[in-house]
Amino acid sequence: MMTLHCPPIYGDEYPAFNEDAYFVNVFNASKLNIKMQRIAQQIVTELESGDGCVLLKNTYTGDCINRSKSVLLNVCRHIGWPISQTPAVKFIEEVTFKASGSEASQKAGYRSRASMPMHTDRCDLNVLFCHRPALNGGHTRVVSSVKLYHTLKQHLSSFNPEVLDSYFPFNTHGENKTGEEDYYLSKLFYPSPDTTEFAAHYIRCFIDDPAPQTYPLSDSMIHLMDLIDTLSQRDDVGVNINLCKGDILLLNSHTTLHAREAYVDNDSSRLLLRVWLSHPRSRALPADFLHKFKDLSAGSYRGGIWGNDKARRFYAEQFLKCQNTKTKEHAEPGD
């Protein structure tokens, strides 16, 4: 894992996020900084060609939540474009405990204090800002899906290596649009000798809950998932990360899996801010990812959770305009 230290550009005078403003305008108005541009280039290179995991430390350590959002968005603007995380368009999600009696909220693990199992997200890059750490526990486990795949191949060599090519049924958990099936089929790994072409997709609770009767899981498929869950704990494939206040963790969802340890809180609950990004240097994706990402081409605006294609296309156009503006700007030496 690459660890970088943020340049001192996000002090208390940095403008706070305006929650009521049109989001694209807020994003586009966030000024570029030449120091942050250099850091961003290192980040993207490591995410796409390296281990797929970068920890950016000491961005903003104050207590103003809107300033934390503003800093997070500014870092993201140097890297790519936000995509929605819910059917009702939402670009910043607060990952924190929220007591709720609704079934949907209970299924959303990021709103609980319970552990969250290994999984990937429906985005190119997953960005987590630690506004307030937990009182105890809550570390993030990050696993290289590339290293995990090769470890699995070794373990399966005398058992059933062909299971790695099996298609698994994933429940959409209500993320499908009207008229779409409530499940889709995908392999767990799409290997390549080139790390920049590798892709993985794994959310076991979406496979177990419940598998469609027309696509029952074989014993070999269940064994593979058990192996993934076990081998993911090995030190040679992953690392535990304790996020501190002001840390930003950036993950390539195609080459890493991540999980969260259960945590204990007092009245000030653990609070992370999450942004999903697509970006100009992203890889081309396998054809099986079309259901989840809607666009497979490298460097495209894709992924996320949208209520309809009209909203997705609208924001794709708006954010790509931001990119065009960004390329014409001269980076300022400071904000």
Protein backbone atom coordinates (compact mmCIF):
# COMPACT_ATOMS: atom_id res chain seq x y z
CA MET A 1 0.00 0.00 0.00
CA MET A 2 1.28 3.44 -0.92
CA THR A 3 1.07 6.09 1.83
CA LEU A 4 1.27 9.76 0.85
CA HIS A 5 1.07 12.95 2.89
CA CYS A 6 -1.24 15.68 1.69
CA PRO A 7 0.38 19.07 1.01
CA PRO A 8 -0.71 21.79 3.48
CA ILE A 9 -3.42 23.34 1.32
CA TYR A 10 -6.59 22.47 3.30
CA GLY A 11 -6.46 24.70 6.36
CA ASP A 12 -9.35 26.18 8.32
CA GLU A 13 -9.72 28.92 5.72
CA TYR A 14 -10.56 26.38 3.02
CA PRO A 15 -14.20 27.04 1.89
CA ALA A 16 -16.89 24.79 3.34
CA PHE A 17 -19.13 22.66 1.15
CA ASN A 18 -22.43 24.33 0.24
CA GLU A 19 -25.00 21.55 0.68
CA ASP A 20 -27.75 23.53 -1.03
CA ALA A 21 -25.89 24.40 -4.22
CA TYR A 22 -26.13 22.51 -7.50
CA PHE A 23 -23.61 19.72 -7.00
CA VAL A 24 -21.87 19.92 -10.38
CA ASN A 25 -21.29 23.65 -9.90
CA VAL A 26 -19.83 23.06 -6.44
CA PHE A 27 -17.58 20.35 -7.86
CA ASN A 28 -16.49 22.44 -10.83
CA ALA A 29 -15.85 25.51 -8.66
CA SER A 30 -13.43 23.57 -6.45
CA LYS A 31 -10.09 25.04 -7.52
CA LEU A 32 -7.22 22.97 -8.87
CA ASN A 33 -3.91 23.10 -7.05
CA ILE A 34 -0.58 22.26 -8.65
CA LYS A 35 0.70 20.48 -5.52
CA MET A 36 -2.42 18.33 -5.36
CA GLN A 37 -2.19 17.61 -9.10
CA ARG A 38 1.24 16.06 -8.60
CA ILE A 39 -0.07 13.94 -5.72
CA ALA A 40 -3.10 12.93 -7.79
CA GLN A 41 -0.90 11.68 -10.63
CA GLN A 42 0.96 9.43 -8.18
CA ILE A 43 -2.31 8.22 -6.71
CA VAL A 44 -3.89 7.25 -10.03
CA THR A 45 -0.72 5.52 -11.25
CA GLU A 46 -0.61 3.40 -8.09
CA LEU A 47 -4.33 2.66 -8.23
CA GLU A 48 -4.25 1.53 -11.87
CA SER A 49 -0.79 -0.02 -12.23
CA GLY A 50 0.26 -0.81 -8.65
CA ASP A 51 -1.40 -2.42 -5.63
CA GLY A 52 -4.68 -0.54 -6.11
CA CYS A 53 -4.64 1.03 -2.64
CA VAL A 54 -3.42 4.48 -1.53
CA LEU A 55 -3.64 6.15 1.87
CA LEU A 56 -3.53 9.95 1.77
CA LYS A 57 -2.86 11.31 5.25
CA ASN A 58 -3.48 14.63 7.00
CA THR A 59 -5.86 16.34 4.60
CA TYR A 60 -8.19 18.17 6.99
CA THR A 61 -8.42 17.30 10.70
CA GLY A 62 -11.01 19.82 11.87
CA ASP A 63 -14.55 19.09 13.05
CA CYS A 64 -16.62 20.91 10.42
CA ILE A 65 -18.41 18.22 8.38
CA ASN A 66 -19.08 20.54 5.45
CA ARG A 67 -15.42 21.51 5.28
CA SER A 68 -14.51 17.79 5.29
CA LYS A 69 -16.89 17.29 2.35
CA SER A 70 -15.34 20.24 0.54
CA VAL A 71 -11.80 18.88 1.01
CA LEU A 72 -12.87 15.40 -0.09
CA LEU A 73 -14.48 16.77 -3.26
CA ASN A 74 -11.41 18.85 -4.04
CA VAL A 75 -9.15 15.80 -3.81
CA CYS A 76 -11.62 13.89 -6.01
CA ARG A 77 -11.75 16.68 -8.59
CA HIS A 78 -8.04 16.20 -9.22
CA ILE A 79 -8.69 12.50 -9.96
CA GLY A 80 -12.04 11.90 -11.66
CA TRP A 81 -15.83 12.30 -11.62
CA PRO A 82 -18.32 11.39 -8.84
CA ILE A 83 -21.05 8.84 -9.65
CA SER A 84 -24.31 8.27 -7.80
CA GLN A 85 -24.46 5.75 -4.94
CA THR A 86 -28.26 5.53 -4.66
CA PRO A 87 -31.27 5.51 -7.04
CA ALA A 88 -32.10 9.01 -5.74
CA VAL A 89 -28.93 10.68 -7.01
CA LYS A 90 -26.38 11.01 -4.19
CA PHE A 91 -22.68 11.67 -4.66
CA ILE A 92 -21.45 11.83 -1.04
CA GLU A 93 -22.59 9.10 1.36
CA GLU A 94 -22.11 9.27 5.12
CA VAL A 95 -20.88 5.89 6.33
CA THR A 96 -22.02 5.90 9.94
CA PHE A 97 -24.43 4.22 12.34
CA LYS A 98 -28.04 5.21 11.74
CA ALA A 99 -30.77 3.60 13.79
CA SER A 100 -33.68 2.71 11.53
CA GLY A 101 -36.52 0.22 11.51
CA SER A 102 -36.67 -0.06 7.74
CA GLU A 103 -35.63 -3.33 6.12
CA ALA A 104 -33.53 -1.53 3.50
CA SER A 105 -31.54 0.33 6.16
CA GLN A 106 -30.94 -2.85 8.13
CA LYS A 107 -29.48 -4.48 5.01
CA ALA A 108 -27.17 -1.54 4.36
CA GLY A 109 -24.12 -2.62 6.34
CA TYR A 110 -22.47 0.78 6.13
CA ARG A 111 -25.25 2.16 8.36
CA SER A 112 -24.53 -0.35 11.15
CA ARG A 113 -21.69 -0.95 13.63
CA ALA A 114 -21.47 -4.60 12.62
CA SER A 115 -18.63 -6.06 10.59
CA MET A 116 -18.92 -5.94 6.81
CA PRO A 117 -17.59 -8.89 4.76
CA MET A 118 -15.21 -8.75 1.81
CA HIS A 119 -16.72 -7.08 -1.22
CA THR A 120 -16.21 -4.84 -4.22
CA ASP A 121 -18.27 -1.75 -5.06
CA ARG A 122 -19.96 -0.72 -8.30
CA CYS A 123 -17.37 1.89 -9.22
CA ASP A 124 -13.87 2.28 -10.61
CA LEU A 125 -12.54 3.99 -7.49
CA ASN A 126 -13.86 3.97 -3.92
CA VAL A 127 -12.79 6.98 -1.84
CA LEU A 128 -13.24 7.06 1.96
CA PHE A 129 -12.58 10.16 4.08
CA CYS A 130 -12.27 9.62 7.85
CA HIS A 131 -14.04 12.54 9.52
CA ARG A 132 -14.30 10.80 12.89
CA PRO A 133 -12.79 7.38 13.78
CA ALA A 134 -14.49 4.81 15.99
CA LEU A 135 -13.86 4.69 19.73
CA ASN A 136 -12.70 1.10 19.34
CA GLY A 137 -12.42 -1.25 16.33
CA GLY A 138 -13.66 -0.55 12.83
CA HIS A 139 -10.40 -1.15 10.98
CA THR A 140 -10.63 -1.59 7.21
CA ARG A 141 -9.26 -4.77 5.67
CA VAL A 142 -7.96 -4.30 2.10
CA VAL A 143 -7.06 -7.33 -0.03
CA SER A 144 -5.34 -7.43 -3.40
CA SER A 145 -7.72 -9.39 -5.62
CA VAL A 146 -4.79 -10.04 -7.99
CA LYS A 147 -2.72 -11.71 -5.25
CA LEU A 148 -5.83 -13.47 -3.95
CA TYR A 149 -6.60 -14.90 -7.39
CA HIS A 150 -3.13 -16.42 -7.77
CA THR A 151 -3.29 -17.82 -4.22
CA LEU A 152 -6.66 -19.39 -5.04
CA LYS A 153 -5.24 -20.99 -8.18
CA GLN A 154 -2.54 -22.68 -6.10
CA HIS A 155 -5.07 -24.02 -3.59
CA LEU A 156 -7.43 -25.23 -6.30
CA SER A 157 -4.81 -26.85 -8.54
CA SER A 158 -5.57 -30.35 -7.21
CA PHE A 159 -9.27 -29.75 -6.52
CA ASN A 160 -11.26 -28.01 -9.26
CA PRO A 161 -9.49 -25.02 -10.85
CA GLU A 162 -12.26 -24.74 -13.48
CA VAL A 163 -14.58 -23.34 -10.80
CA LEU A 164 -12.77 -19.99 -11.22
CA ASP A 165 -14.49 -19.72 -14.61
CA SER A 166 -17.97 -20.31 -13.16
CA TYR A 167 -20.74 -17.73 -13.43
CA PHE A 168 -22.32 -16.79 -10.10
CA PRO A 169 -25.83 -15.30 -9.68
CA PHE A 170 -25.82 -11.92 -7.89
CA ASN A 171 -29.00 -10.56 -6.31
CA THR A 172 -29.39 -6.87 -7.21
CA HIS A 173 -30.82 -6.02 -3.75
CA GLY A 174 -33.28 -3.63 -5.33
CA GLU A 175 -30.65 -1.78 -7.38
CA ASN A 176 -32.24 -2.96 -10.65
CA LYS A 177 -34.47 -0.64 -12.65
CA THR A 178 -38.07 -1.43 -13.57
CA GLY A 179 -38.21 -4.27 -16.10
CA GLU A 180 -34.75 -5.62 -15.26
CA GLU A 181 -34.12 -9.03 -13.68
CA ASP A 182 -33.51 -9.02 -9.94
CA TYR A 183 -30.22 -10.87 -10.43
CA TYR A 184 -27.32 -10.92 -12.89
CA LEU A 185 -24.55 -13.40 -13.72
CA SER A 186 -20.84 -12.72 -13.34
CA LYS A 187 -17.57 -14.51 -12.79
CA LEU A 188 -15.65 -13.54 -9.66
CA PHE A 189 -12.33 -12.96 -11.42
CA TYR A 190 -11.33 -11.80 -14.88
CA PRO A 191 -7.58 -12.44 -14.85
CA SER A 192 -4.95 -10.93 -17.10
CA PRO A 193 -1.14 -10.99 -17.13
CA ASP A 194 -1.36 -7.20 -17.18
CA THR A 195 -2.54 -5.72 -13.86
CA THR A 196 -4.10 -2.82 -15.75
CA GLU A 197 -6.55 -5.26 -17.41
CA PHE A 198 -7.45 -7.40 -14.36
CA ALA A 199 -10.93 -7.17 -12.82
CA ALA A 200 -12.75 -8.86 -9.94
CA HIS A 201 -16.30 -8.75 -8.61
CA TYR A 202 -17.30 -10.28 -5.27
CA ILE A 203 -20.19 -9.60 -2.89
CA ARG A 204 -21.00 -12.90 -1.19
CA CYS A 205 -24.17 -11.68 0.54
CA PHE A 206 -25.56 -10.80 -2.90
CA ILE A 207 -24.84 -14.38 -4.03
CA ASP A 208 -26.21 -16.08 -0.91
CA ASP A 209 -29.38 -13.98 -0.70
CA PRO A 210 -30.85 -16.05 -2.29
CA ALA A 211 -29.46 -17.73 -5.40
CA PRO A 212 -32.13 -18.06 -8.11
CA GLN A 213 -33.42 -21.60 -8.46
CA THR A 214 -32.44 -21.59 -12.13
CA TYR A 215 -28.79 -21.00 -11.13
CA PRO A 216 -28.13 -23.17 -8.06
CA LEU A 217 -24.69 -22.99 -6.47
CA SER A 218 -22.58 -26.14 -6.77
CA ASP A 219 -20.47 -27.47 -3.91
CA SER A 220 -17.39 -26.29 -5.81
CA MET A 221 -18.76 -22.74 -6.04
CA ILE A 222 -19.52 -22.64 -2.32
CA HIS A 223 -16.06 -24.03 -1.60
CA LEU A 224 -14.52 -21.28 -3.72
CA MET A 225 -16.32 -18.57 -1.76
CA ASP A 226 -15.27 -20.20 1.52
CA LEU A 227 -11.68 -20.17 0.30
CA ILE A 228 -11.94 -16.49 -0.66
CA ASP A 229 -13.21 -15.60 2.80
CA THR A 230 -10.45 -17.64 4.48
CA LEU A 231 -7.49 -16.70 2.30
CA SER A 232 -8.43 -13.01 2.43
CA GLN A 233 -7.19 -12.99 6.02
CA ARG A 234 -3.63 -13.93 5.04
CA ASP A 235 -0.95 -11.30 5.54
CA ASP A 236 0.52 -11.92 2.08
CA VAL A 237 -2.66 -10.87 0.27
CA GLY A 238 -4.02 -8.02 2.42
CA VAL A 239 -3.52 -5.43 5.13
CA ASN A 240 -5.53 -3.97 8.03
CA ILE A 241 -5.82 -0.19 8.02
CA ASN A 242 -6.84 1.93 11.00
CA LEU A 243 -8.04 5.20 9.52
CA CYS A 244 -7.20 8.34 11.50
CA LYS A 245 -9.02 11.65 11.40
CA GLY A 246 -8.26 13.40 8.11
CA ASP A 247 -7.09 10.26 6.28
CA ILE A 248 -8.41 9.48 2.79
CA LEU A 249 -8.30 5.86 1.60
CA LEU A 250 -8.53 5.32 -2.16
CA LEU A 251 -9.20 1.86 -3.59
CA ASN A 252 -9.39 0.46 -7.11
CA SER A 253 -12.56 -1.66 -6.99
CA HIS A 254 -11.33 -3.88 -9.83
CA THR A 255 -8.11 -4.96 -8.13
CA THR A 256 -8.99 -4.84 -4.42
CA LEU A 257 -11.61 -6.23 -2.05
CA HIS A 258 -12.36 -4.54 1.25
CA ALA A 259 -14.12 -5.35 4.51
CA ARG A 260 -14.73 -3.66 7.85
CA GLU A 261 -14.30 -4.85 11.41
CA ALA A 262 -17.17 -4.31 13.86
CA TYR A 263 -16.72 -1.26 16.05
CA VAL A 264 -17.78 0.31 19.35
CA ASP A 265 -18.77 3.94 19.70
CA ASN A 266 -19.82 6.51 22.26
CA ASP A 267 -22.19 9.38 21.51
CA SER A 268 -19.86 10.66 18.77
CA SER A 269 -20.33 7.93 16.19
CA ARG A 270 -17.66 6.86 13.69
CA LEU A 271 -18.19 8.84 10.49
CA LEU A 272 -16.61 8.27 7.09
CA LEU A 273 -17.53 10.15 3.93
CA ARG A 274 -17.64 8.03 0.78
CA VAL A 275 -17.38 9.06 -2.86
CA TRP A 276 -17.41 6.69 -5.84
CA LEU A 277 -15.42 7.84 -8.86
CA SER A 278 -14.94 7.05 -12.51
CA HIS A 279 -11.85 8.63 -14.05
CA PRO A 280 -10.02 9.30 -17.35
CA ARG A 281 -7.32 6.65 -16.82
CA SER A 282 -9.63 3.75 -15.95
CA ARG A 283 -9.30 0.35 -17.65
CA ALA A 284 -11.58 -1.25 -20.21
CA LEU A 285 -13.94 -3.72 -18.52
CA PRO A 286 -15.16 -7.24 -19.43
CA ALA A 287 -18.44 -7.58 -21.35
CA ASP A 288 -20.07 -9.17 -18.27
CA PHE A 289 -19.74 -5.84 -16.44
CA LEU A 290 -22.12 -4.03 -18.78
CA HIS A 291 -25.09 -4.62 -16.46
CA LYS A 292 -23.31 -2.95 -13.56
CA PHE A 293 -21.32 -0.20 -15.32
CA LYS A 294 -23.37 0.61 -18.49
CA ASP A 295 -20.16 1.56 -20.29
CA LEU A 296 -17.14 -0.72 -20.70
CA SER A 297 -14.74 1.61 -22.49
CA ALA A 298 -11.60 2.87 -20.77
CA GLY A 299 -11.79 6.37 -19.30
CA SER A 300 -15.59 6.62 -19.49
CA TYR A 301 -18.17 7.95 -17.02
CA ARG A 302 -19.65 4.69 -15.71
CA GLY A 303 -20.75 2.63 -12.74
CA GLY A 304 -22.75 3.67 -9.71
CA ILE A 305 -26.40 3.21 -8.77
CA TRP A 306 -28.96 5.27 -10.69
CA GLY A 307 -32.73 5.42 -10.68
CA ASN A 308 -32.81 5.76 -14.46
CA ASP A 309 -30.53 6.16 -17.48
CA LYS A 310 -31.66 9.73 -18.08
CA ALA A 311 -30.09 10.89 -14.81
CA ARG A 312 -26.90 8.94 -15.51
CA ARG A 313 -26.55 10.43 -18.99
CA PHE A 314 -27.27 13.94 -17.71
CA TYR A 315 -24.53 13.81 -15.07
CA ALA A 316 -22.12 12.13 -17.47
CA GLU A 317 -22.48 15.15 -19.75
CA GLN A 318 -22.17 17.63 -16.87
CA PHE A 319 -19.08 16.08 -15.31
CA LEU A 320 -17.35 15.57 -18.63
CA LYS A 321 -17.83 19.30 -19.21
CA CYS A 322 -16.00 19.77 -15.91
CA GLN A 323 -13.16 17.66 -17.26
CA ASN A 324 -12.94 19.76 -20.41
CA THR A 325 -12.82 22.89 -18.27
CA LYS A 326 -10.20 21.29 -16.03
CA THR A 327 -7.82 20.55 -18.91
CA LYS A 328 -7.92 24.21 -19.97
CA GLU A 329 -7.26 25.59 -16.49
CA HIS A 330 -3.86 26.65 -15.27
CA ALA A 331 -3.37 25.10 -11.84
CA GLU A 332 -3.06 27.68 -9.13
CA PRO A 333 -0.15 27.51 -6.67
CA GLY A 334 -2.56 27.56 -3.72
CA ASP A 335 -6.19 27.84 -2.75
